[in-house]
Amino acid sequence: MVFPLRYKRYLFGVLLLITTPLCAQMSADSTSRPSQLDAFDLAKRWFGISILPKADSGLSTKPQWALLPSLNYQPATGIAGGLILTSSFYPKETPRTRISTIHLYAGYSQFNQVLATAISNLWTTGHRYNIQTDWRFYNFPTITYGLGTRTQLANASDVDYNHIRFHQTIYKAVGRDYMVGVGYMFDRHYDIQNIAIDGQITDFARYGLARQATSSGMVVGLLRDRRGNPNNPEGGSYLLAQYRVYVRELGSTVNYQAAWLDYRKYIPLPGRLEKQLAIWSFNWVTFGGNAPYLDLPSTGWDTYNNSGRGYALGRLRGPSLYYAEAEYRTQLTANGLIGGVLFANAQTIGPWPNGVPAGLESTTQSHTTQVWPGFGGGLRVKVNKSARTNLAIDYAFGAGGSKGLYFNLNEVF
């Protein structure tokens, strides 16, 4: 479905606007819920195996590591196997309202992709500082579909590259809930290859295909995190707004700027079983220069690669990405072991701020906006009730024949 550009702000604002009346009408039922059960409890009950960290021990201020095998699937990677080393803990001598998390992953996929990530969200004593880390190395043969909102699956071409990421930001509390921060962001893609079908010229080639490209720059941001537990929030909200500036003086291939806005709201619903409505709005805009192709806003390239269920990673790409999602979450068993979700999302690529780059006039359009919807459902299995860690298994459908199966450790957002 195609909407005039002037209606875009209403489409992507509607999910946020509905949270105001819902918050006024709904609150969690005060009725106490049954004792909760998780996979660690089952392992102990069925096999006499105690897995650390123990599910009934509660979380402490000392990190307790869990090493887990990982077998997952999504359209961009196919079947991928590896290991996850994860930990959740509270800062010392601080009210237990915000939890620190660390996720380390190393894996290999059926498409010969090598994936290594280190992502953490750490709180210091008194919640005075929040430290966010996103380090990665990818050797990533995959598919790219071109630029703009009107690309088709038939536009796909093979792309292969190595990717090194170093994102590091530190936020300092400036009030009860708000924090301001600074950081450095580095993304380098090298050994880039793009192979077109039947010798056709790809949008990547039209945009400016190079063997390597770097985005290196500084970031300033505003953070407000009221979630408590980011693994699976029980309520609250999350806001991250960033302004990024990439300059040649720091090693960037080109000068450009970017704005990043990530907002999430969690609304508990009444009832004996735990239920909630979760809302997510994610917007990413580049301006002041044309970012390298692989650093342009794209489907699934949020921090945890979770946006756009129903589409492959990188399905849409362009100068800006606007994304919204709503998800209904509920327990299916009173003990919390099994849960379920229903979700719907929508995304679009915005117009080029300074006009369509030379060579792309015939393949991208800026006067209309095409919205790409997605929807689906999934199951949740409680892995650790103390850390509120779930195994998420989702199946989703998108437009134009897109669909996929998705696995995740913890909630998608």
Protein backbone atom coordinates (compact mmCIF):
# COMPACT_ATOMS: atom_id res chain seq x y z
CA MET A 1 0.00 0.00 0.00
CA VAL A 2 1.29 3.43 -0.93
CA PHE A 3 0.65 6.54 1.23
CA PRO A 4 1.44 10.19 0.40
CA LEU A 5 4.51 11.29 2.30
CA ARG A 6 2.53 13.84 4.34
CA TYR A 7 0.62 11.00 6.08
CA LYS A 8 3.76 9.18 7.24
CA ARG A 9 3.98 10.94 10.57
CA TYR A 10 0.45 9.82 11.47
CA LEU A 11 1.14 6.20 10.56
CA PHE A 12 4.25 5.94 12.71
CA GLY A 13 2.89 8.06 15.51
CA VAL A 14 -0.32 6.11 16.04
CA LEU A 15 1.28 3.33 18.07
CA LEU A 16 2.76 5.86 20.48
CA LEU A 17 -0.43 7.93 20.77
CA ILE A 18 -2.51 4.98 21.93
CA THR A 19 -0.28 4.42 24.93
CA THR A 20 -1.68 7.47 26.76
CA PRO A 21 -5.27 6.24 27.20
CA LEU A 22 -4.11 2.67 27.79
CA CYS A 23 -1.84 3.74 30.61
CA ALA A 24 -4.74 5.58 32.24
CA GLN A 25 -7.11 2.61 31.99
CA MET A 26 -4.94 -0.43 32.67
CA SER A 27 -2.80 -1.65 35.52
CA ALA A 28 -1.45 -5.01 36.57
CA ASP A 29 -3.81 -7.16 38.65
CA SER A 30 -2.78 -7.16 42.28
CA THR A 31 -3.74 -10.82 42.65
CA SER A 32 -0.65 -12.85 43.49
CA ARG A 33 0.51 -15.11 40.70
CA PRO A 34 1.39 -18.83 41.05
CA SER A 35 4.96 -19.97 41.67
CA GLN A 36 7.00 -19.69 38.50
CA LEU A 37 8.87 -22.48 36.70
CA ASP A 38 11.75 -22.41 34.23
CA ALA A 39 14.00 -24.76 32.25
CA PHE A 40 16.56 -24.88 35.08
CA ASP A 41 13.82 -26.15 37.44
CA LEU A 42 12.88 -28.87 34.92
CA ALA A 43 16.50 -29.95 34.51
CA LYS A 44 16.79 -30.38 38.28
CA ARG A 45 13.40 -32.10 38.62
CA TRP A 46 13.72 -34.52 35.69
CA PHE A 47 17.44 -35.23 35.57
CA GLY A 48 18.78 -34.18 38.97
CA ILE A 49 21.02 -31.62 37.25
CA SER A 50 21.74 -28.27 38.92
CA ILE A 51 22.58 -25.63 36.31
CA LEU A 52 24.28 -22.42 37.41
CA PRO A 53 23.15 -19.77 37.91
CA LYS A 54 20.41 -21.54 39.90
CA ALA A 55 16.97 -20.34 38.98
CA ASP A 56 15.75 -20.25 42.59
CA SER A 57 18.78 -18.44 43.98
CA GLY A 58 17.81 -14.99 42.68
CA LEU A 59 20.20 -12.58 41.04
CA SER A 60 23.02 -11.04 43.03
CA THR A 61 25.56 -8.24 42.60
CA LYS A 62 28.15 -10.78 41.48
CA PRO A 63 27.98 -11.83 37.82
CA GLN A 64 26.91 -15.45 37.42
CA TRP A 65 27.76 -16.74 33.98
CA ALA A 66 25.76 -19.24 31.97
CA LEU A 67 27.27 -20.91 28.89
CA LEU A 68 24.55 -22.09 26.53
CA PRO A 69 24.60 -23.79 23.12
CA SER A 70 22.85 -21.81 20.41
CA LEU A 71 20.99 -23.19 17.40
CA ASN A 72 18.89 -20.63 15.59
CA TYR A 73 17.48 -19.65 12.25
CA GLN A 74 16.56 -16.48 10.40
CA PRO A 75 16.33 -15.73 6.67
CA ALA A 76 19.65 -13.84 6.42
CA THR A 77 21.75 -16.54 8.12
CA GLY A 78 19.86 -19.79 7.64
CA ILE A 79 20.68 -22.26 10.40
CA ALA A 80 23.40 -20.93 12.68
CA GLY A 81 25.07 -22.76 15.54
CA GLY A 82 27.33 -21.43 18.25
CA LEU A 83 27.77 -20.63 21.92
CA ILE A 84 26.30 -17.88 24.10
CA LEU A 85 27.96 -16.71 27.30
CA THR A 86 25.51 -14.56 29.22
CA SER A 87 25.16 -12.91 32.60
CA SER A 88 22.66 -10.66 34.43
CA PHE A 89 23.38 -8.96 37.76
CA TYR A 90 22.68 -5.88 39.87
CA PRO A 91 25.12 -3.09 40.74
CA LYS A 92 26.50 -3.22 44.29
CA GLU A 93 24.91 -1.24 47.14
CA THR A 94 22.13 -0.01 44.86
CA PRO A 95 18.34 -0.56 44.85
CA ARG A 96 17.57 -3.47 42.54
CA THR A 97 15.62 -1.57 39.96
CA ARG A 98 18.00 -1.76 36.99
CA ILE A 99 19.86 -4.87 35.93
CA SER A 100 23.18 -5.16 34.09
CA THR A 101 23.43 -7.60 31.19
CA ILE A 102 26.29 -9.09 29.18
CA HIS A 103 25.89 -11.24 26.04
CA LEU A 104 28.85 -12.82 24.24
CA TYR A 105 28.21 -14.90 21.13
CA ALA A 106 30.30 -16.80 18.61
CA GLY A 107 28.72 -18.77 15.78
CA TYR A 108 28.81 -20.07 12.23
CA SER A 109 25.91 -20.29 9.78
CA GLN A 110 24.93 -22.54 6.90
CA PHE A 111 25.68 -19.62 4.55
CA ASN A 112 29.35 -19.70 5.66
CA GLN A 113 29.00 -16.62 7.84
CA VAL A 114 31.25 -16.08 10.86
CA LEU A 115 29.55 -14.12 13.66
CA ALA A 116 31.13 -12.84 16.88
CA THR A 117 29.50 -10.23 19.13
CA ALA A 118 30.02 -8.71 22.56
CA ILE A 119 27.07 -6.59 23.69
CA SER A 120 26.60 -5.26 27.22
CA ASN A 121 24.49 -2.80 29.17
CA LEU A 122 26.16 -2.10 32.54
CA TRP A 123 25.06 0.01 35.51
CA THR A 124 27.46 1.32 38.14
CA THR A 125 26.80 1.79 41.87
CA GLY A 126 23.93 4.16 42.52
CA HIS A 127 22.98 4.08 38.83
CA ARG A 128 25.31 7.03 38.34
CA TYR A 129 26.69 5.71 35.04
CA ASN A 130 25.43 3.45 32.27
CA ILE A 131 28.01 1.88 29.96
CA GLN A 132 26.87 0.46 26.62
CA THR A 133 29.16 -1.72 24.49
CA ASP A 134 28.60 -3.15 21.00
CA TRP A 135 31.66 -4.91 19.54
CA ARG A 136 31.40 -7.24 16.53
CA PHE A 137 33.23 -9.10 13.83
CA TYR A 138 31.30 -10.50 10.87
CA ASN A 139 32.45 -12.34 7.80
CA PHE A 140 29.13 -11.97 6.09
CA PRO A 141 28.21 -13.29 2.64
CA THR A 142 24.56 -12.28 2.25
CA ILE A 143 22.07 -10.63 -0.11
CA THR A 144 21.27 -6.97 -0.72
CA TYR A 145 18.07 -5.82 -2.38
CA GLY A 146 18.85 -2.28 -3.50
CA LEU A 147 17.78 1.15 -2.29
CA GLY A 148 14.44 2.77 -1.58
CA THR A 149 10.92 1.58 -0.83
CA ARG A 150 10.13 -0.09 -4.15
CA THR A 151 12.71 -2.85 -4.32
CA GLN A 152 11.58 -6.40 -5.08
CA LEU A 153 12.97 -9.82 -4.18
CA ALA A 154 13.97 -10.05 -7.85
CA ASN A 155 16.36 -7.11 -7.27
CA ALA A 156 18.51 -9.25 -4.96
CA SER A 157 22.24 -9.51 -5.57
CA ASP A 158 25.01 -11.25 -3.64
CA VAL A 159 27.25 -9.19 -1.39
CA ASP A 160 30.19 -10.42 0.67
CA TYR A 161 32.21 -8.42 3.21
CA ASN A 162 34.01 -8.36 6.53
CA HIS A 163 32.67 -6.02 9.20
CA ILE A 164 34.42 -4.74 12.32
CA ARG A 165 32.35 -2.71 14.77
CA PHE A 166 33.44 -0.80 17.88
CA HIS A 167 30.63 1.18 19.52
CA GLN A 168 31.27 2.47 23.05
CA THR A 169 29.13 5.00 24.92
CA ILE A 170 29.02 6.17 28.55
CA TYR A 171 26.01 7.95 30.07
CA LYS A 172 25.97 9.95 33.31
CA ALA A 173 22.86 10.59 35.41
CA VAL A 174 21.70 14.21 35.38
CA GLY A 175 18.38 13.70 37.14
CA ARG A 176 16.14 11.02 38.56
CA ASP A 177 15.63 9.22 35.24
CA TYR A 178 17.61 11.08 32.61
CA MET A 179 21.21 10.54 31.57
CA VAL A 180 23.42 12.27 29.00
CA GLY A 181 26.35 10.59 27.34
CA VAL A 182 29.12 10.64 24.79
CA GLY A 183 30.84 7.92 22.84
CA TYR A 184 32.73 6.78 19.80
CA MET A 185 31.39 4.72 16.91
CA PHE A 186 33.49 2.85 14.37
CA ASP A 187 32.25 0.59 11.57
CA ARG A 188 34.63 -0.71 8.95
CA HIS A 189 33.57 -2.88 6.01
CA TYR A 190 36.35 -4.34 3.88
CA ASP A 191 36.92 -6.95 1.15
CA ILE A 192 33.51 -5.92 -0.19
CA GLN A 193 32.20 -7.76 -3.25
CA ASN A 194 28.85 -7.30 -4.97
CA ILE A 195 27.90 -9.72 -7.73
CA ALA A 196 24.89 -8.88 -9.89
CA ILE A 197 22.64 -11.41 -11.60
CA ASP A 198 23.25 -11.74 -15.36
CA GLY A 199 25.69 -8.84 -15.31
CA GLN A 200 23.03 -6.26 -14.36
CA ILE A 201 24.12 -3.07 -12.65
CA THR A 202 23.09 -3.08 -8.98
CA ASP A 203 22.02 -0.13 -6.83
CA PHE A 204 25.19 -0.75 -4.83
CA ALA A 205 27.26 -0.14 -7.98
CA ARG A 206 25.20 2.93 -8.93
CA TYR A 207 25.60 4.35 -5.43
CA GLY A 208 29.35 3.83 -5.44
CA LEU A 209 30.78 0.36 -4.89
CA ALA A 210 34.19 0.31 -3.19
CA ARG A 211 36.33 -2.47 -1.75
CA GLN A 212 36.25 -0.85 1.68
CA ALA A 213 34.40 1.86 3.59
CA THR A 214 34.62 3.27 7.10
CA SER A 215 32.26 5.25 9.32
CA SER A 216 34.13 6.77 12.26
CA GLY A 217 32.70 9.45 14.50
CA MET A 218 31.47 10.77 17.81
CA VAL A 219 28.03 10.46 19.37
CA VAL A 220 26.13 12.42 22.00
CA GLY A 221 22.95 11.02 23.45
CA LEU A 222 20.06 11.24 25.89
CA LEU A 223 18.98 8.09 27.76
CA ARG A 224 15.98 7.37 29.96
CA ASP A 225 15.62 3.74 31.00
CA ARG A 226 12.65 2.83 33.20
CA ARG A 227 12.49 -0.86 32.28
CA GLY A 228 14.28 -2.43 35.25
CA ASN A 229 15.08 -5.66 33.39
CA PRO A 230 15.92 -5.28 29.67
CA ASN A 231 15.80 -9.07 29.12
CA ASN A 232 12.00 -9.10 29.47
CA PRO A 233 10.56 -5.88 30.93
CA GLU A 234 7.56 -6.13 33.24
CA GLY A 235 6.64 -2.48 32.62
CA GLY A 236 8.12 0.97 32.20
CA SER A 237 9.66 2.56 29.13
CA TYR A 238 12.94 3.15 27.33
CA LEU A 239 14.14 6.17 25.38
CA LEU A 240 17.46 6.57 23.55
CA ALA A 241 18.08 9.61 21.36
CA GLN A 242 21.48 10.05 19.68
CA TYR A 243 23.15 12.51 17.35
CA ARG A 244 26.11 11.04 15.46
CA VAL A 245 28.69 12.90 13.40
CA TYR A 246 31.16 11.03 11.17
CA VAL A 247 34.17 12.98 9.87
CA ARG A 248 37.20 12.27 7.71
CA GLU A 249 39.49 13.57 10.46
CA LEU A 250 38.58 10.49 12.53
CA GLY A 251 39.07 8.11 9.62
CA SER A 252 35.60 8.15 8.09
CA THR A 253 35.40 7.59 4.33
CA VAL A 254 32.92 10.46 3.98
CA ASN A 255 31.51 13.20 6.19
CA TYR A 256 27.90 12.66 7.22
CA GLN A 257 25.59 12.83 10.22
CA ALA A 258 22.88 10.61 11.68
CA ALA A 259 20.03 10.80 14.19
CA TRP A 260 18.88 7.70 16.10
CA LEU A 261 15.64 7.50 18.12
CA ASP A 262 14.61 4.31 19.94
CA TYR A 263 11.45 4.44 22.10
CA ARG A 264 9.74 1.49 23.84
CA LYS A 265 6.73 1.32 26.14
CA TYR A 266 5.52 -1.66 28.19
CA ILE A 267 1.93 -1.64 29.44
CA PRO A 268 0.93 -4.37 31.97
CA LEU A 269 -2.57 -5.76 31.40
CA PRO A 270 -4.90 -6.94 34.19
CA GLY A 271 -5.38 -10.61 35.01
CA ARG A 272 -3.98 -13.48 37.04
CA LEU A 273 -1.56 -14.46 34.27
CA GLU A 274 1.18 -12.03 33.31
CA LYS A 275 0.18 -10.10 30.17
CA GLN A 276 1.30 -6.89 28.54
CA LEU A 277 1.23 -4.74 25.44
CA ALA A 278 4.67 -3.69 24.20
CA ILE A 279 5.17 -0.78 21.78
CA TRP A 280 8.35 0.01 19.82
CA SER A 281 9.23 2.97 17.60
CA PHE A 282 12.65 2.97 15.95
CA ASN A 283 13.80 5.75 13.63
CA TRP A 284 17.20 6.23 12.01
CA VAL A 285 18.01 9.16 9.70
CA THR A 286 21.22 10.14 7.85
CA PHE A 287 21.90 13.60 6.44
CA GLY A 288 24.70 16.07 5.67
CA GLY A 289 26.32 13.63 3.22
CA ASN A 290 25.75 10.18 1.78
CA ALA A 291 26.71 7.40 4.20
CA PRO A 292 28.54 4.33 2.83
CA TYR A 293 26.07 1.84 1.36
CA LEU A 294 26.50 -0.78 4.11
CA ASP A 295 26.10 1.90 6.82
CA LEU A 296 22.81 3.25 5.48
CA PRO A 297 19.72 2.66 7.66
CA SER A 298 18.42 -0.80 6.91
CA THR A 299 15.93 -3.42 8.09
CA GLY A 300 17.18 -5.35 11.10
CA TRP A 301 20.23 -3.22 11.83
CA ASP A 302 19.08 -1.99 15.23
CA THR A 303 21.41 -2.86 18.13
CA TYR A 304 20.18 -6.45 18.52
CA ASN A 305 19.20 -7.06 14.87
CA ASN A 306 15.58 -7.66 15.85
CA SER A 307 13.50 -5.16 13.86
CA GLY A 308 11.54 -6.22 10.80
CA ARG A 309 10.30 -9.70 11.63
CA GLY A 310 8.80 -10.99 8.38
CA TYR A 311 11.74 -9.69 6.34
CA ALA A 312 15.36 -10.64 5.81
CA LEU A 313 18.14 -8.60 7.39
CA GLY A 314 18.84 -5.66 5.07
CA ARG A 315 15.60 -6.12 3.08
CA LEU A 316 14.97 -2.33 2.89
CA ARG A 317 17.80 0.21 2.78
CA GLY A 318 18.04 3.93 2.23
CA PRO A 319 18.86 7.34 3.74
CA SER A 320 16.34 6.93 6.59
CA LEU A 321 14.34 4.14 8.17
CA TYR A 322 11.07 4.59 10.09
CA TYR A 323 9.83 1.57 12.01
CA ALA A 324 6.99 0.79 14.45
CA GLU A 325 5.87 -2.43 16.13
CA ALA A 326 3.27 -3.57 18.65
CA GLU A 327 3.32 -6.94 20.44
CA TYR A 328 0.83 -8.63 22.76
CA ARG A 329 2.57 -10.92 25.27
CA THR A 330 0.92 -13.42 27.60
CA GLN A 331 1.68 -16.46 29.71
CA LEU A 332 0.08 -19.63 28.37
CA THR A 333 0.72 -21.63 31.54
CA ALA A 334 0.12 -20.34 35.06
CA ASN A 335 3.66 -21.30 36.11
CA GLY A 336 5.13 -19.03 33.42
CA LEU A 337 7.08 -21.79 31.68
CA ILE A 338 5.30 -21.31 28.33
CA GLY A 339 4.14 -18.04 26.86
CA GLY A 340 2.95 -16.68 23.56
CA VAL A 341 3.02 -13.46 21.52
CA LEU A 342 1.19 -11.85 18.61
CA PHE A 343 2.83 -8.93 16.81
CA ALA A 344 2.51 -6.54 13.89
CA ASN A 345 5.01 -4.07 12.47
CA ALA A 346 5.45 -1.53 9.70
CA GLN A 347 8.50 0.08 8.13
CA THR A 348 9.39 2.45 5.34
CA ILE A 349 12.40 4.16 3.80
CA GLY A 350 12.36 7.97 3.72
CA PRO A 351 13.41 10.22 0.82
CA TRP A 352 16.94 11.45 0.16
CA PRO A 353 17.34 14.73 2.08
CA ASN A 354 19.33 16.46 -0.65
CA GLY A 355 17.80 14.80 -3.69
CA VAL A 356 18.38 11.37 -5.19
CA PRO A 357 22.12 10.70 -5.74
CA ALA A 358 23.30 10.74 -9.34
CA GLY A 359 22.76 7.40 -11.06
CA LEU A 360 19.83 6.33 -8.87
CA GLU A 361 17.12 8.53 -10.37
CA SER A 362 15.48 5.66 -12.24
CA THR A 363 15.60 3.13 -9.39
CA THR A 364 14.45 5.14 -6.34
CA GLN A 365 11.46 7.38 -5.89
CA SER A 366 11.11 10.21 -3.41
CA HIS A 367 7.58 11.58 -3.94
CA THR A 368 5.65 8.71 -2.31
CA THR A 369 6.20 6.39 0.62
CA GLN A 370 5.47 2.69 0.48
CA VAL A 371 4.82 1.06 3.85
CA TRP A 372 5.92 -2.54 4.31
CA PRO A 373 3.82 -4.37 6.94
CA GLY A 374 4.72 -7.53 8.84
CA PHE A 375 2.85 -9.73 11.28
CA GLY A 376 3.14 -13.05 13.07
CA GLY A 377 3.19 -14.93 16.35
CA GLY A 378 5.42 -17.05 18.49
CA LEU A 379 6.08 -19.10 21.59
CA ARG A 380 8.17 -18.29 24.65
CA VAL A 381 9.96 -20.79 26.92
CA LYS A 382 11.22 -19.51 30.27
CA VAL A 383 14.94 -20.29 30.54
CA ASN A 384 15.73 -18.46 33.80
CA LYS A 385 12.91 -16.98 35.90
CA SER A 386 15.25 -14.88 38.06
CA ALA A 387 16.82 -13.14 35.05
CA ARG A 388 13.45 -13.28 33.19
CA THR A 389 15.24 -14.85 30.22
CA ASN A 390 13.06 -16.39 27.51
CA LEU A 391 13.75 -18.49 24.45
CA ALA A 392 11.73 -16.78 21.71
CA ILE A 393 10.53 -18.68 18.63
CA ASP A 394 8.59 -16.59 16.09
CA TYR A 395 7.21 -17.00 12.59
CA ALA A 396 6.37 -13.87 10.60
CA PHE A 397 5.03 -12.82 7.22
CA GLY A 398 5.84 -9.70 5.23
CA ALA A 399 4.77 -8.19 1.91
CA GLY A 400 6.00 -9.34 -1.49
CA GLY A 401 6.44 -12.98 -0.46
CA SER A 402 8.75 -12.30 2.49
CA LYS A 403 8.49 -14.62 5.51
CA GLY A 404 10.74 -16.25 8.02
CA LEU A 405 11.36 -18.18 11.23
CA TYR A 406 13.19 -16.31 13.98
CA PHE A 407 14.89 -17.48 17.19
CA ASN A 408 16.02 -15.17 19.96
CA LEU A 409 17.29 -15.34 23.52
CA ASN A 410 15.28 -12.76 25.51
CA GLU A 411 12.41 -10.71 24.17
CA VAL A 412 12.77 -9.09 20.77
CA PHE A 413 12.42 -5.61 22.33
